[in-house]
Amino acid sequence: MQLVNGTSAVPFDIEFIKTISEAAVGGAVSEQTADAVLTHLNCILRLILISAKDNRVACGRTEINVEDIRIAMKDLGLGTCLGFELEHRANFRATTSLPHETKSIPKSIDELVPEIIPTKVMADVTIKSHWLSIDGIQPAIPENPVMIIEDEPMNEVVEKPAIKRKPGPLLIKEAARKMPKTEQVQIKTTTTHTLSVEQQIFFKEIMETIMGSDETKRTEAIHCLRTDPGLQPLVPRFSNAIAEGVRCNLIQETVAFLIYLMRIIEAFVQNSTINIEKCLHELIPPIISCLVVRSPGIDVGPRSASWTLREFCAKLLHKIVQRYKIPQLKERLVRVFANAFTRRDPYLPTLYGVIFAINLFGTEVVENVLFPNLGAVKNAINSYRPINERRFNQEKTQQEKTNGLSHEQQKLTDLVMKIATTYANSERMTDKGIDSYRDLFGPFAEDVY
């Protein structure tokens, strides 16, 4: 055999063959037999090494491992001598010709246990000594029990006759010294922070301009809030003013002022240089209040601005959810919308605002929240009785007079039909049968179909 570096390998000699045959057969072999076996053995080893080298090259390795030799022997039809793949039991014998002998020393398991496991095992619980008392006083350490101090009995108060003294400066000073003094603590809120005089004037002028009657100046002020990059210090004060303004104007039922306040929030949402995330806990409740407000004075007739207010608030909530990726904000808003369907006496303008917002939040929200509650919506439409019915009859359109519905009933029905028709024409509606329409749209199935 020839190695890579040019040197010749040392083959097995005849003595090795004689030793193996003596161990396996139990007797000596002749020189001719040993020579023939040696030639065959060297040839087999050469073939195994060549095949193992090919396996190593095919696997992209630099060294031959045991797996290459095992596969080479398997390819040449040679069974393994040892290992778990061996089909028969390998026999081992001791021979005197080898330089070492294999001996087994019998040893009982009882003699091995004390060598592995120590005689003394450490206990899990240890005891630590400490002083229970030092000079009659119990130290305050965790090991000692807590001392229970009993309240001393109150001594009886004996009223002594007051000594009449003339008022003087010393008595007044002594009485003032004994009077309890209260410490003035100022709790800092989101609005009690340092503002310059210019910022305070800017805040006052902006609010007066937006809530004023000049539409041109109001548009300029809204544009300033939408583009000014230095409004971040004023955001807490604006949010507080908006929350208070919504509360007051909902009571007074002034829809125009509510729309102006919602436009301020929209300008802040569209301003990319400021962040109102820390003030959303003050801004979202007023928006939801304007969306679901239940006030008959706000919804007066078909030309009322309250319908615009509800649609504007729904779009504003959708913009806030899209810009600020707050965890579970969308789920919490949808949960609030779903509560509108479970009320005993639902208000149609409130249902209109909720359904309009649900439609903006996506098709999945429509499928999971709106469609299962279409039966409740239909019952609310049929059982609705408008306030000031005589006035509403005068303001009815020709279509409403033909259908016998009020403006609120007709507007809510048109919105539901628009959403259902859009969904029916989309790719999500795979089955176009009347049964599928009835299962999905409920009482509106016939009109949608």
Protein backbone atom coordinates (compact mmCIF):
# COMPACT_ATOMS: atom_id res chain seq x y z
CA MET A 1 0.00 0.00 0.00
CA GLN A 2 1.16 3.54 -0.80
CA LEU A 3 0.36 6.54 1.44
CA VAL A 4 -0.35 10.12 0.31
CA ASN A 5 3.05 11.45 1.34
CA GLY A 6 4.85 8.79 -0.73
CA THR A 7 5.88 6.46 2.09
CA SER A 8 4.86 2.83 2.03
CA ALA A 9 2.53 1.49 4.70
CA VAL A 10 3.55 -1.36 6.98
CA PRO A 11 1.36 -4.43 6.22
CA PHE A 12 0.34 -7.10 8.70
CA ASP A 13 2.90 -9.86 9.13
CA ILE A 14 2.51 -13.62 9.43
CA GLU A 15 2.89 -13.54 13.23
CA PHE A 16 -0.30 -11.46 13.49
CA ILE A 17 -2.17 -14.06 11.41
CA LYS A 18 -0.87 -16.92 13.53
CA THR A 19 -1.87 -15.15 16.77
CA ILE A 20 -5.41 -14.44 15.56
CA SER A 21 -5.87 -17.98 14.22
CA GLU A 22 -4.63 -19.46 17.49
CA ALA A 23 -7.12 -17.32 19.43
CA ALA A 24 -10.04 -18.05 17.09
CA VAL A 25 -9.47 -21.69 16.07
CA GLY A 26 -7.52 -22.90 19.03
CA GLY A 27 -4.62 -24.39 17.05
CA ALA A 28 -1.60 -23.43 14.91
CA VAL A 29 -1.73 -23.00 11.11
CA SER A 30 0.90 -23.67 8.48
CA GLU A 31 3.10 -21.07 6.81
CA GLN A 32 1.33 -21.43 3.43
CA THR A 33 -2.13 -20.93 5.00
CA ALA A 34 -0.98 -17.92 6.98
CA ASP A 35 0.60 -16.40 3.86
CA ALA A 36 -2.61 -16.84 1.81
CA VAL A 37 -4.77 -15.34 4.61
CA LEU A 38 -2.34 -12.41 4.99
CA THR A 39 -2.51 -11.59 1.25
CA HIS A 40 -6.31 -11.68 1.30
CA LEU A 41 -6.45 -9.52 4.45
CA ASN A 42 -4.17 -6.82 3.01
CA CYS A 43 -6.25 -6.73 -0.19
CA ILE A 44 -9.51 -6.38 1.76
CA LEU A 45 -8.07 -3.59 3.93
CA ARG A 46 -6.86 -1.75 0.84
CA LEU A 47 -10.33 -1.93 -0.76
CA ILE A 48 -11.97 -0.73 2.49
CA LEU A 49 -9.65 2.26 2.77
CA ILE A 50 -10.12 3.21 -0.90
CA SER A 51 -13.92 3.05 -0.55
CA ALA A 52 -13.79 5.01 2.74
CA LYS A 53 -11.69 7.67 1.01
CA ASP A 54 -14.31 7.96 -1.74
CA ASN A 55 -17.03 8.40 0.92
CA ARG A 56 -14.98 11.10 2.62
CA VAL A 57 -14.50 13.01 -0.65
CA ALA A 58 -18.20 12.70 -1.50
CA CYS A 59 -19.15 14.15 1.90
CA GLY A 60 -16.68 17.04 1.57
CA ARG A 61 -14.66 16.19 4.66
CA THR A 62 -10.92 16.31 5.20
CA GLU A 63 -10.63 13.29 7.50
CA ILE A 64 -11.97 9.76 7.40
CA ASN A 65 -14.27 8.87 10.27
CA VAL A 66 -15.78 5.61 11.50
CA GLU A 67 -18.96 6.09 9.49
CA ASP A 68 -17.00 6.12 6.22
CA ILE A 69 -15.36 2.79 7.09
CA ARG A 70 -18.68 1.25 8.15
CA ILE A 71 -20.33 2.24 4.86
CA ALA A 72 -17.33 0.97 2.90
CA MET A 73 -17.51 -2.44 4.60
CA LYS A 74 -21.24 -2.57 3.92
CA ASP A 75 -20.70 -1.78 0.23
CA LEU A 76 -18.08 -4.55 -0.04
CA GLY A 77 -20.45 -7.07 1.55
CA LEU A 78 -18.49 -7.39 4.79
CA GLY A 79 -20.47 -7.64 8.01
CA THR A 80 -19.54 -5.71 11.10
CA CYS A 81 -17.53 -7.59 13.71
CA LEU A 82 -18.80 -5.61 16.71
CA GLY A 83 -21.59 -3.14 17.48
CA PHE A 84 -25.38 -3.04 17.73
CA GLU A 85 -25.80 -4.15 14.08
CA LEU A 86 -24.13 -7.49 14.77
CA GLU A 87 -26.57 -10.34 14.19
CA HIS A 88 -24.70 -12.99 16.22
CA ARG A 89 -22.99 -12.85 19.56
CA ALA A 90 -19.26 -12.14 19.50
CA ASN A 91 -17.08 -14.60 21.44
CA PHE A 92 -14.15 -13.35 23.47
CA ARG A 93 -11.31 -15.58 24.60
CA ALA A 94 -8.16 -14.97 26.55
CA THR A 95 -4.88 -15.92 24.87
CA THR A 96 -1.40 -16.09 26.26
CA SER A 97 0.19 -14.97 23.00
CA LEU A 98 -1.17 -11.42 23.29
CA PRO A 99 0.75 -8.89 25.39
CA HIS A 100 -2.19 -8.41 27.77
CA GLU A 101 -4.90 -10.61 29.20
CA THR A 102 -8.56 -9.79 29.74
CA LYS A 103 -9.72 -10.78 33.20
CA SER A 104 -13.05 -10.27 34.92
CA ILE A 105 -13.01 -9.64 38.65
CA PRO A 106 -16.34 -10.58 40.25
CA LYS A 107 -17.52 -8.02 42.75
CA SER A 108 -20.77 -7.89 44.67
CA ILE A 109 -23.15 -4.92 44.39
CA ASP A 110 -23.12 -4.58 48.17
CA GLU A 111 -19.42 -3.77 48.03
CA LEU A 112 -19.93 -1.10 45.35
CA VAL A 113 -22.69 0.83 47.16
CA PRO A 114 -20.51 2.17 50.02
CA GLU A 115 -17.93 3.34 47.50
CA ILE A 116 -20.49 5.39 45.53
CA ILE A 117 -22.74 6.69 48.31
CA PRO A 118 -21.07 8.19 51.40
CA THR A 119 -21.97 6.76 54.78
CA LYS A 120 -23.03 10.16 56.20
CA VAL A 121 -25.75 11.91 54.24
CA MET A 122 -26.26 15.63 54.81
CA ALA A 123 -29.67 16.43 56.23
CA ASP A 124 -32.02 18.82 54.46
CA VAL A 125 -32.91 20.76 57.60
CA THR A 126 -30.17 22.55 59.51
CA ILE A 127 -30.49 24.08 62.95
CA LYS A 128 -28.97 27.45 63.66
CA SER A 129 -28.63 28.81 67.18
CA HIS A 130 -29.47 32.41 68.03
CA TRP A 131 -30.03 34.54 71.09
CA LEU A 132 -33.61 34.58 72.32
CA SER A 133 -32.91 37.55 74.57
CA ILE A 134 -29.90 39.62 75.50
CA ASP A 135 -29.90 41.20 78.94
CA GLY A 136 -33.64 40.69 79.17
CA ILE A 137 -34.34 42.35 75.81
CA GLN A 138 -35.50 40.31 72.81
CA PRO A 139 -33.50 41.27 69.71
CA ALA A 140 -35.46 42.18 66.58
CA ILE A 141 -34.32 39.39 64.27
CA PRO A 142 -36.43 37.27 61.90
CA GLU A 143 -35.95 34.12 64.00
CA ASN A 144 -37.65 35.59 67.09
CA PRO A 145 -41.44 35.97 67.30
CA VAL A 146 -42.95 39.39 66.88
CA MET A 147 -43.56 41.13 70.15
CA ILE A 148 -47.17 42.15 70.75
CA ILE A 149 -47.31 45.40 72.66
CA GLU A 150 -50.51 45.81 74.57
CA ASP A 151 -52.04 49.24 74.75
CA GLU A 152 -51.59 50.81 78.13
CA PRO A 153 -54.82 51.75 79.89
CA MET A 154 -55.75 55.35 79.50
CA ASN A 155 -55.37 57.30 82.66
CA GLU A 156 -58.45 59.03 83.83
CA VAL A 157 -58.44 62.65 82.89
CA VAL A 158 -58.91 64.86 85.88
CA GLU A 159 -60.21 68.24 84.98
CA LYS A 160 -58.35 70.93 86.80
CA PRO A 161 -59.87 74.30 87.31
CA ALA A 162 -58.59 76.68 84.70
CA ILE A 163 -56.49 79.52 85.93
CA LYS A 164 -57.80 82.80 84.72
CA ARG A 165 -55.05 84.85 83.18
CA LYS A 166 -55.08 88.09 81.41
CA PRO A 167 -54.32 87.87 77.74
CA GLY A 168 -50.82 88.92 76.94
CA PRO A 169 -48.31 88.64 74.12
CA LEU A 170 -46.57 85.67 75.76
CA LEU A 171 -49.77 83.63 76.00
CA ILE A 172 -50.64 84.36 72.37
CA LYS A 173 -47.19 83.23 71.17
CA GLU A 174 -47.40 80.07 73.27
CA ALA A 175 -50.85 79.22 71.90
CA ALA A 176 -49.67 79.82 68.34
CA ARG A 177 -46.70 77.55 68.93
CA LYS A 178 -48.94 74.71 70.19
CA MET A 179 -51.38 74.90 67.28
CA PRO A 180 -50.96 72.03 64.75
CA LYS A 181 -49.43 73.20 61.52
CA THR A 182 -50.55 71.71 58.19
CA GLU A 183 -48.03 71.12 55.46
CA GLN A 184 -49.08 72.38 52.07
CA VAL A 185 -48.51 69.67 49.44
CA GLN A 186 -49.11 70.43 45.79
CA ILE A 187 -50.01 67.48 43.59
CA LYS A 188 -48.59 67.98 40.13
CA THR A 189 -51.03 66.99 37.38
CA THR A 190 -50.51 66.79 33.65
CA THR A 191 -51.31 70.48 33.22
CA THR A 192 -49.33 71.97 36.13
CA HIS A 193 -46.04 72.28 34.32
CA THR A 194 -43.99 75.27 33.39
CA LEU A 195 -45.28 77.19 30.39
CA SER A 196 -43.89 80.39 29.05
CA VAL A 197 -46.05 83.48 28.71
CA GLU A 198 -45.98 83.14 24.94
CA GLN A 199 -47.27 79.56 25.13
CA GLN A 200 -50.08 80.56 27.46
CA ILE A 201 -51.10 83.39 25.14
CA PHE A 202 -50.91 81.04 22.13
CA PHE A 203 -53.15 78.48 23.87
CA LYS A 204 -55.71 81.15 24.78
CA GLU A 205 -55.77 82.68 21.29
CA ILE A 206 -56.04 79.30 19.54
CA MET A 207 -58.95 78.13 21.70
CA GLU A 208 -60.82 81.42 21.32
CA THR A 209 -60.29 81.40 17.55
CA ILE A 210 -61.45 77.80 17.09
CA MET A 211 -64.52 78.24 19.27
CA GLY A 212 -65.33 81.62 17.66
CA SER A 213 -67.67 82.43 14.80
CA ASP A 214 -65.14 83.29 12.07
CA GLU A 215 -64.76 80.23 9.85
CA THR A 216 -61.70 81.59 8.02
CA LYS A 217 -59.73 82.16 11.22
CA ARG A 218 -60.89 78.79 12.54
CA THR A 219 -59.51 77.06 9.44
CA GLU A 220 -56.17 78.86 9.86
CA ALA A 221 -55.99 77.87 13.54
CA ILE A 222 -56.73 74.22 12.72
CA HIS A 223 -54.04 74.30 10.03
CA CYS A 224 -51.58 75.74 12.58
CA LEU A 225 -52.30 72.87 14.99
CA ARG A 226 -51.86 70.39 12.14
CA THR A 227 -48.41 71.67 11.07
CA ASP A 228 -46.78 73.42 14.06
CA PRO A 229 -43.84 71.30 15.38
CA GLY A 230 -43.62 73.03 18.78
CA LEU A 231 -46.95 72.04 20.32
CA GLN A 232 -45.78 69.09 22.42
CA PRO A 233 -45.67 71.04 25.74
CA LEU A 234 -49.24 72.26 25.14
CA VAL A 235 -50.76 68.82 24.43
CA PRO A 236 -51.73 68.06 28.09
CA ARG A 237 -53.43 71.45 28.43
CA PHE A 238 -55.30 71.00 25.15
CA SER A 239 -56.45 67.50 26.16
CA ASN A 240 -57.73 68.76 29.50
CA ALA A 241 -59.57 71.63 27.82
CA ILE A 242 -61.11 69.28 25.23
CA ALA A 243 -62.34 66.83 27.87
CA GLU A 244 -63.92 69.62 29.90
CA GLY A 245 -65.37 71.26 26.78
CA VAL A 246 -67.02 68.04 25.62
CA ARG A 247 -68.55 67.51 29.05
CA CYS A 248 -70.05 71.00 29.14
CA ASN A 249 -71.28 71.05 25.54
CA LEU A 250 -72.90 67.62 25.80
CA ILE A 251 -74.98 68.97 28.65
CA GLN A 252 -75.84 72.14 26.72
CA GLU A 253 -76.38 70.10 23.51
CA THR A 254 -74.31 72.37 21.25
CA VAL A 255 -73.25 70.19 18.34
CA ALA A 256 -71.17 72.86 16.61
CA PHE A 257 -68.78 73.27 19.55
CA LEU A 258 -68.42 69.49 19.81
CA ILE A 259 -67.40 69.34 16.15
CA TYR A 260 -64.83 72.10 16.71
CA LEU A 261 -63.29 70.18 19.62
CA MET A 262 -63.14 66.99 17.56
CA ARG A 263 -61.36 68.90 14.80
CA ILE A 264 -58.67 69.90 17.32
CA ILE A 265 -58.06 66.22 18.14
CA GLU A 266 -57.93 65.38 14.43
CA ALA A 267 -55.32 68.10 13.89
CA PHE A 268 -53.17 66.62 16.67
CA VAL A 269 -53.48 63.14 15.17
CA GLN A 270 -52.43 64.43 11.74
CA ASN A 271 -49.47 66.37 13.16
CA SER A 272 -46.51 64.03 12.73
CA THR A 273 -44.18 66.08 14.97
CA ILE A 274 -46.13 65.61 18.22
CA ASN A 275 -47.18 62.52 20.14
CA ILE A 276 -50.48 62.41 22.02
CA GLU A 277 -50.21 58.78 23.14
CA LYS A 278 -49.80 59.75 26.82
CA CYS A 279 -53.00 61.84 26.64
CA LEU A 280 -55.20 59.29 24.85
CA HIS A 281 -56.78 58.30 28.17
CA GLU A 282 -58.25 61.83 28.25
CA LEU A 283 -59.07 62.15 24.55
CA ILE A 284 -60.67 58.80 23.64
CA PRO A 285 -63.54 58.99 26.21
CA PRO A 286 -64.78 62.36 24.83
CA ILE A 287 -64.66 60.96 21.29
CA ILE A 288 -66.68 57.89 22.29
CA SER A 289 -69.12 60.12 24.20
CA CYS A 290 -69.78 62.18 21.07
CA LEU A 291 -70.15 58.96 19.05
CA VAL A 292 -72.71 57.22 21.28
CA VAL A 293 -74.33 60.22 22.99
CA ARG A 294 -77.98 59.59 23.82
CA SER A 295 -79.51 63.05 23.75
CA PRO A 296 -82.74 63.78 21.87
CA GLY A 297 -81.87 67.49 21.79
CA ILE A 298 -78.81 66.80 19.64
CA ASP A 299 -80.60 64.70 17.02
CA VAL A 300 -83.23 67.09 15.70
CA GLY A 301 -84.34 66.24 12.20
CA PRO A 302 -82.69 64.97 9.05
CA ARG A 303 -80.58 68.09 8.57
CA SER A 304 -79.02 67.88 12.03
CA ALA A 305 -75.24 68.06 12.29
CA SER A 306 -75.25 65.23 14.82
CA TRP A 307 -75.02 62.65 12.04
CA THR A 308 -71.89 64.38 10.76
CA LEU A 309 -70.51 64.47 14.31
CA ARG A 310 -70.98 60.73 14.80
CA GLU A 311 -69.38 59.89 11.45
CA PHE A 312 -66.49 62.27 12.17
CA CYS A 313 -65.86 60.66 15.58
CA ALA A 314 -65.88 57.17 14.05
CA LYS A 315 -63.29 58.21 11.45
CA LEU A 316 -61.21 59.89 14.15
CA LEU A 317 -61.09 56.71 16.26
CA HIS A 318 -60.02 54.76 13.19
CA LYS A 319 -57.17 57.23 12.54
CA ILE A 320 -55.97 56.97 16.15
CA VAL A 321 -55.91 53.16 15.98
CA GLN A 322 -53.97 53.27 12.71
CA ARG A 323 -51.32 55.73 13.92
CA TYR A 324 -50.77 54.55 17.50
CA LYS A 325 -50.17 50.79 17.58
CA ILE A 326 -51.27 50.43 21.21
CA PRO A 327 -51.83 46.79 22.25
CA GLN A 328 -55.51 45.86 22.66
CA LEU A 329 -56.74 49.39 21.85
CA LYS A 330 -58.78 48.17 18.89
CA GLU A 331 -60.19 45.23 20.89
CA ARG A 332 -61.27 47.52 23.73
CA LEU A 333 -63.00 49.92 21.34
CA VAL A 334 -64.80 47.06 19.58
CA ARG A 335 -65.93 45.75 22.98
CA VAL A 336 -67.44 49.17 23.72
CA PHE A 337 -69.22 49.16 20.36
CA ALA A 338 -70.62 45.68 20.97
CA ASN A 339 -72.25 46.81 24.23
CA ALA A 340 -74.57 49.11 22.24
CA PHE A 341 -76.44 46.08 20.83
CA THR A 342 -77.15 44.58 24.27
CA ARG A 343 -79.04 47.57 25.70
CA ARG A 344 -82.69 47.06 26.49
CA ASP A 345 -83.84 50.23 24.68
CA PRO A 346 -81.26 50.97 21.96
CA TYR A 347 -81.16 54.48 20.52
CA LEU A 348 -81.07 54.56 16.72
CA PRO A 349 -78.62 57.48 16.29
CA THR A 350 -76.28 55.71 18.73
CA LEU A 351 -76.57 52.47 16.74
CA TYR A 352 -75.87 54.44 13.57
CA GLY A 353 -72.59 55.81 14.97
CA VAL A 354 -71.54 52.42 16.33
CA ILE A 355 -72.27 50.57 13.07
CA PHE A 356 -70.49 53.27 11.06
CA ALA A 357 -67.39 52.84 13.27
CA ILE A 358 -67.55 49.03 13.06
CA ASN A 359 -67.57 49.25 9.26
CA LEU A 360 -64.37 51.34 9.34
CA PHE A 361 -62.56 48.84 11.57
CA GLY A 362 -62.53 46.13 8.90
CA THR A 363 -64.41 43.16 7.51
CA GLU A 364 -63.50 40.82 10.38
CA VAL A 365 -65.10 43.18 12.91
CA VAL A 366 -68.20 43.40 10.72
CA GLU A 367 -68.46 39.60 10.56
CA ASN A 368 -67.92 39.02 14.28
CA VAL A 369 -69.80 41.99 15.79
CA LEU A 370 -72.35 43.44 13.37
CA PHE A 371 -73.78 40.43 11.51
CA PRO A 372 -74.62 38.39 14.67
CA ASN A 373 -76.57 41.42 16.02
CA LEU A 374 -78.58 42.29 12.91
CA GLY A 375 -81.68 40.81 14.53
CA ALA A 376 -81.37 43.25 17.45
CA VAL A 377 -80.86 46.11 14.99
CA LYS A 378 -84.02 45.15 13.09
CA ASN A 379 -86.05 44.98 16.30
CA ALA A 380 -84.74 48.38 17.35
CA ILE A 381 -85.75 49.87 14.00
CA ASN A 382 -89.26 48.41 14.16
CA SER A 383 -89.89 49.46 17.78
CA TYR A 384 -88.47 52.99 17.48
CA ARG A 385 -90.81 55.90 18.16
CA PRO A 386 -89.31 59.34 17.44
CA ILE A 387 -89.75 62.29 19.76
CA ASN A 388 -91.71 65.25 18.37
CA GLU A 389 -93.35 62.99 15.85
CA ARG A 390 -95.47 65.79 14.37
CA ARG A 391 -92.37 67.81 13.56
CA PHE A 392 -90.62 64.81 12.05
CA ASN A 393 -93.63 64.05 9.87
CA GLN A 394 -93.31 67.52 8.37
CA GLU A 395 -89.59 67.01 7.64
CA LYS A 396 -89.96 63.54 6.12
CA THR A 397 -88.80 62.97 2.58
CA GLN A 398 -91.01 61.38 -0.06
CA GLN A 399 -89.22 58.01 0.29
CA GLU A 400 -89.66 58.03 4.06
CA LYS A 401 -93.37 58.82 3.72
CA THR A 402 -93.74 55.95 1.26
CA ASN A 403 -91.95 53.45 3.52
CA GLY A 404 -93.63 54.74 6.66
CA LEU A 405 -90.26 55.13 8.44
CA SER A 406 -88.81 58.04 10.33
CA HIS A 407 -85.55 59.67 9.31
CA GLU A 408 -83.55 57.73 11.95
CA GLN A 409 -85.07 54.42 10.88
CA GLN A 410 -84.45 55.09 7.19
CA LYS A 411 -80.87 56.31 7.74
CA LEU A 412 -79.91 53.29 9.86
CA THR A 413 -81.57 50.89 7.41
CA ASP A 414 -79.69 52.43 4.48
CA LEU A 415 -76.37 52.09 6.33
CA VAL A 416 -76.95 48.42 7.19
CA MET A 417 -78.06 47.66 3.63
CA LYS A 418 -74.99 49.39 2.22
CA ILE A 419 -72.63 47.36 4.44
CA ALA A 420 -74.44 44.08 3.74
CA THR A 421 -74.56 44.67 -0.02
CA THR A 422 -70.86 45.52 -0.14
CA TYR A 423 -70.02 42.34 1.77
CA ALA A 424 -72.29 40.21 -0.44
CA ASN A 425 -70.53 41.47 -3.57
CA SER A 426 -67.06 40.84 -2.15
CA GLU A 427 -64.93 37.71 -2.48
CA ARG A 428 -65.54 36.71 1.15
CA MET A 429 -69.13 35.79 0.28
CA THR A 430 -68.49 32.50 -1.52
CA ASP A 431 -72.00 31.01 -1.32
CA LYS A 432 -74.55 33.18 -3.12
CA GLY A 433 -77.60 31.12 -2.13
CA ILE A 434 -80.61 32.52 -0.29
CA ASP A 435 -79.99 30.20 2.66
CA SER A 436 -76.50 31.61 3.17
CA TYR A 437 -77.93 35.12 3.00
CA ARG A 438 -80.49 34.27 5.67
CA ASP A 439 -77.87 32.73 7.93
CA LEU A 440 -75.59 35.74 7.62
CA PHE A 441 -77.86 38.77 7.23
CA GLY A 442 -80.88 37.57 9.20
CA PRO A 443 -83.94 39.82 8.71
CA PHE A 444 -82.14 41.86 6.03
CA ALA A 445 -81.46 38.81 3.84
CA GLU A 446 -84.45 39.25 1.52
CA ASP A 447 -83.65 42.91 0.78
CA VAL A 448 -79.94 42.20 0.25
CA TYR A 449 -80.62 39.20 -2.00
